[in-house]
N, C-alpha and C. Protein backbone atom coordinates (compact mmCIF):
# COMPACT_ATOMS: atom_id res chain seq x y z
N PRO A 1 8.72 6.77 13.23
CA PRO A 1 8.01 6.04 12.17
C PRO A 1 8.95 5.67 11.03
N HIS A 2 8.66 4.56 10.37
CA HIS A 2 9.46 4.20 9.21
C HIS A 2 8.63 3.39 8.21
N VAL A 3 9.12 3.35 6.98
CA VAL A 3 8.47 2.56 5.94
C VAL A 3 8.89 1.11 6.13
N HIS A 4 7.93 0.26 6.41
CA HIS A 4 8.19 -1.17 6.57
C HIS A 4 8.28 -1.85 5.21
N GLN A 5 7.39 -1.46 4.29
CA GLN A 5 7.35 -2.12 2.98
C GLN A 5 6.73 -1.18 1.95
N ILE A 6 7.26 -1.23 0.73
CA ILE A 6 6.71 -0.53 -0.43
C ILE A 6 6.05 -1.59 -1.29
N ASN A 7 4.80 -1.32 -1.73
CA ASN A 7 4.02 -2.33 -2.43
C ASN A 7 3.48 -1.79 -3.76
N VAL A 8 3.58 -2.60 -4.81
CA VAL A 8 3.04 -2.24 -6.12
C VAL A 8 2.37 -3.47 -6.74
N SER A 9 1.55 -3.23 -7.75
CA SER A 9 0.95 -4.35 -8.49
C SER A 9 0.72 -3.94 -9.93
N ASP A 10 0.43 -4.93 -10.73
CA ASP A 10 0.08 -4.68 -12.13
C ASP A 10 -1.42 -4.48 -12.26
N GLY A 11 -2.07 -4.20 -11.16
CA GLY A 11 -3.51 -4.00 -11.08
C GLY A 11 -4.10 -4.99 -10.11
N GLY A 12 -4.80 -4.51 -9.12
CA GLY A 12 -5.45 -5.39 -8.16
C GLY A 12 -4.61 -5.66 -6.92
N VAL A 13 -5.13 -6.56 -6.10
CA VAL A 13 -4.47 -6.93 -4.86
C VAL A 13 -4.27 -8.44 -4.82
N PRO A 14 -3.34 -8.92 -4.07
CA PRO A 14 -2.45 -8.17 -3.21
C PRO A 14 -1.37 -7.46 -4.01
N LYS A 15 -0.79 -6.47 -3.39
CA LYS A 15 0.36 -5.79 -3.98
C LYS A 15 1.63 -6.47 -3.46
N SER A 16 2.66 -6.48 -4.29
CA SER A 16 3.91 -7.17 -3.95
C SER A 16 4.98 -6.17 -3.53
N PRO A 17 5.89 -6.60 -2.64
CA PRO A 17 6.93 -5.69 -2.17
C PRO A 17 7.99 -5.42 -3.23
N VAL A 18 8.51 -4.19 -3.21
CA VAL A 18 9.65 -3.78 -4.02
C VAL A 18 10.62 -3.05 -3.11
N TRP A 19 11.89 -2.98 -3.51
CA TRP A 19 12.91 -2.34 -2.68
C TRP A 19 12.78 -0.83 -2.66
N GLU A 20 12.38 -0.26 -3.82
CA GLU A 20 12.25 1.20 -3.89
C GLU A 20 11.29 1.55 -5.02
N ALA A 21 10.72 2.75 -4.91
CA ALA A 21 9.82 3.26 -5.95
C ALA A 21 9.73 4.77 -5.80
N LYS A 22 9.67 5.44 -6.91
CA LYS A 22 9.56 6.90 -6.91
C LYS A 22 8.08 7.29 -6.83
N VAL A 23 7.79 8.28 -5.99
CA VAL A 23 6.45 8.84 -5.91
C VAL A 23 6.45 10.14 -6.71
N SER A 24 5.49 10.25 -7.62
CA SER A 24 5.38 11.47 -8.43
C SER A 24 3.91 11.82 -8.60
N GLU A 25 3.62 12.82 -9.42
CA GLU A 25 2.24 13.20 -9.68
C GLU A 25 1.48 12.08 -10.39
N ARG A 26 2.17 11.09 -10.89
CA ARG A 26 1.54 9.93 -11.53
C ARG A 26 1.31 8.79 -10.55
N GLY A 27 1.62 9.00 -9.27
CA GLY A 27 1.47 7.96 -8.26
C GLY A 27 2.80 7.29 -7.98
N LEU A 28 2.76 6.04 -7.63
CA LEU A 28 3.94 5.27 -7.29
C LEU A 28 4.42 4.51 -8.52
N ASP A 29 5.65 4.73 -8.94
CA ASP A 29 6.19 4.04 -10.12
C ASP A 29 6.07 2.53 -9.95
N GLY A 30 5.61 1.87 -11.00
CA GLY A 30 5.47 0.42 -10.99
C GLY A 30 4.12 -0.06 -10.52
N ASP A 31 3.27 0.86 -10.04
CA ASP A 31 1.94 0.49 -9.57
C ASP A 31 0.93 0.88 -10.64
N ARG A 32 0.12 -0.08 -11.05
CA ARG A 32 -0.83 0.15 -12.14
C ARG A 32 -2.25 -0.14 -11.66
N GLN A 33 -3.19 0.58 -12.22
CA GLN A 33 -4.60 0.34 -11.96
C GLN A 33 -5.23 -0.22 -13.23
N ARG A 34 -6.01 -1.28 -13.08
CA ARG A 34 -6.67 -1.89 -14.24
C ARG A 34 -7.88 -1.11 -14.70
N ASN A 35 -8.67 -0.61 -13.77
CA ASN A 35 -9.91 0.07 -14.10
C ASN A 35 -9.69 1.58 -14.00
N LEU A 36 -9.30 2.21 -15.10
CA LEU A 36 -9.00 3.63 -15.08
C LEU A 36 -10.25 4.51 -15.07
N THR A 37 -11.42 3.89 -15.19
CA THR A 37 -12.67 4.65 -15.06
C THR A 37 -12.83 5.16 -13.63
N PHE A 38 -12.44 4.35 -12.65
CA PHE A 38 -12.62 4.70 -11.26
C PHE A 38 -11.32 4.93 -10.50
N HIS A 39 -10.19 4.57 -11.07
CA HIS A 39 -8.91 4.68 -10.38
C HIS A 39 -7.90 5.40 -11.25
N GLY A 40 -6.92 5.99 -10.62
CA GLY A 40 -5.86 6.67 -11.36
C GLY A 40 -6.25 8.08 -11.73
N GLY A 41 -5.65 8.61 -12.78
CA GLY A 41 -5.94 9.97 -13.22
C GLY A 41 -5.26 11.00 -12.34
N PRO A 42 -5.65 12.27 -12.50
CA PRO A 42 -4.95 13.35 -11.79
C PRO A 42 -5.16 13.33 -10.28
N ASP A 43 -6.17 12.60 -9.79
CA ASP A 43 -6.42 12.52 -8.35
C ASP A 43 -5.94 11.20 -7.76
N ARG A 44 -5.03 10.54 -8.45
CA ARG A 44 -4.50 9.25 -7.98
C ARG A 44 -3.91 9.41 -6.58
N ALA A 45 -4.17 8.42 -5.76
CA ALA A 45 -3.70 8.44 -4.37
C ALA A 45 -2.55 7.46 -4.18
N VAL A 46 -1.72 7.74 -3.21
CA VAL A 46 -0.76 6.78 -2.68
C VAL A 46 -1.34 6.35 -1.34
N CYS A 47 -1.65 5.07 -1.22
CA CYS A 47 -2.36 4.55 -0.04
C CYS A 47 -1.37 4.10 1.03
N LEU A 48 -1.63 4.52 2.27
CA LEU A 48 -0.81 4.18 3.42
C LEU A 48 -1.58 3.25 4.34
N TYR A 49 -0.88 2.32 5.00
CA TYR A 49 -1.53 1.42 5.96
C TYR A 49 -0.56 1.14 7.10
N SER A 50 -1.11 0.83 8.24
CA SER A 50 -0.33 0.65 9.46
C SER A 50 0.09 -0.81 9.66
N LEU A 51 1.39 -1.05 9.78
CA LEU A 51 1.89 -2.38 10.13
C LEU A 51 1.41 -2.77 11.52
N ASP A 52 1.34 -1.81 12.43
CA ASP A 52 0.88 -2.09 13.79
C ASP A 52 -0.55 -2.63 13.77
N LEU A 53 -1.42 -2.06 12.94
CA LEU A 53 -2.79 -2.55 12.82
C LEU A 53 -2.82 -3.93 12.16
N ILE A 54 -2.00 -4.13 11.13
CA ILE A 54 -1.92 -5.45 10.48
C ILE A 54 -1.54 -6.51 11.51
N GLU A 55 -0.56 -6.21 12.36
CA GLU A 55 -0.12 -7.18 13.37
C GLU A 55 -1.22 -7.45 14.40
N ARG A 56 -2.00 -6.42 14.78
CA ARG A 56 -3.12 -6.64 15.71
C ARG A 56 -4.18 -7.52 15.07
N LEU A 57 -4.47 -7.26 13.79
CA LEU A 57 -5.46 -8.08 13.09
C LEU A 57 -4.98 -9.53 12.96
N GLN A 58 -3.69 -9.72 12.69
CA GLN A 58 -3.13 -11.07 12.62
C GLN A 58 -3.28 -11.78 13.96
N ASP A 59 -3.03 -11.06 15.07
CA ASP A 59 -3.18 -11.64 16.41
C ASP A 59 -4.62 -12.08 16.67
N GLU A 60 -5.58 -11.41 16.03
CA GLU A 60 -7.00 -11.77 16.16
C GLU A 60 -7.41 -12.91 15.24
N GLY A 61 -6.46 -13.36 14.38
CA GLY A 61 -6.73 -14.49 13.50
C GLY A 61 -7.06 -14.12 12.07
N HIS A 62 -6.98 -12.84 11.73
CA HIS A 62 -7.27 -12.42 10.36
C HIS A 62 -6.09 -12.73 9.45
N SER A 63 -6.38 -13.16 8.22
CA SER A 63 -5.31 -13.46 7.26
C SER A 63 -5.03 -12.20 6.45
N ILE A 64 -4.19 -11.35 6.99
CA ILE A 64 -3.81 -10.09 6.38
C ILE A 64 -2.29 -9.97 6.47
N ASP A 65 -1.69 -9.43 5.44
CA ASP A 65 -0.25 -9.18 5.40
C ASP A 65 0.00 -7.83 4.77
N ALA A 66 1.21 -7.34 4.87
CA ALA A 66 1.57 -6.10 4.21
C ALA A 66 1.32 -6.23 2.70
N GLY A 67 0.59 -5.27 2.14
CA GLY A 67 0.28 -5.27 0.72
C GLY A 67 -1.05 -5.92 0.37
N SER A 68 -1.60 -6.72 1.28
CA SER A 68 -2.82 -7.44 0.95
C SER A 68 -4.06 -6.56 0.96
N SER A 69 -3.97 -5.40 1.57
CA SER A 69 -5.11 -4.47 1.58
C SER A 69 -5.02 -3.46 0.45
N GLY A 70 -4.00 -3.60 -0.38
CA GLY A 70 -3.86 -2.70 -1.52
C GLY A 70 -3.07 -1.44 -1.23
N GLU A 71 -2.44 -1.39 -0.05
CA GLU A 71 -1.69 -0.19 0.28
C GLU A 71 -0.36 -0.14 -0.47
N ASN A 72 0.08 1.07 -0.75
CA ASN A 72 1.38 1.27 -1.40
C ASN A 72 2.50 1.32 -0.38
N LEU A 73 2.25 1.93 0.76
CA LEU A 73 3.27 2.04 1.78
C LEU A 73 2.73 1.45 3.08
N THR A 74 3.41 0.46 3.61
CA THR A 74 3.08 -0.10 4.92
C THR A 74 4.03 0.55 5.92
N LEU A 75 3.47 1.30 6.87
CA LEU A 75 4.26 2.10 7.80
C LEU A 75 4.21 1.51 9.20
N SER A 76 5.29 1.68 9.94
CA SER A 76 5.37 1.19 11.31
C SER A 76 5.73 2.34 12.23
N GLY A 77 5.15 2.34 13.44
CA GLY A 77 5.55 3.31 14.46
C GLY A 77 4.96 4.69 14.28
N LEU A 78 3.97 4.87 13.42
CA LEU A 78 3.38 6.17 13.18
C LEU A 78 2.19 6.36 14.12
N ASP A 79 2.09 7.51 14.78
CA ASP A 79 0.94 7.83 15.62
C ASP A 79 -0.17 8.31 14.68
N TRP A 80 -1.12 7.43 14.37
CA TRP A 80 -2.18 7.72 13.39
C TRP A 80 -3.19 8.72 13.92
N ASP A 81 -3.23 8.93 15.24
CA ASP A 81 -4.16 9.91 15.79
C ASP A 81 -3.71 11.31 15.44
């Protein structure tokens, strides 16, 4: 498995790719949430998504790309089971 893309945004989706980002107790550096009532805080998540699933959805005709689902890390080759 490997990291295909790291994604951040100034709030909302899609998230844009960056070369690197530090993960800490505050989440992923450079990634911001606009609505702090429901997002962020001490239980902030780093969201993972499968590149393999994105590619299958694209083959079915869906307009999805890495970062468009709001994930922070787009991963390839991971056995999700």
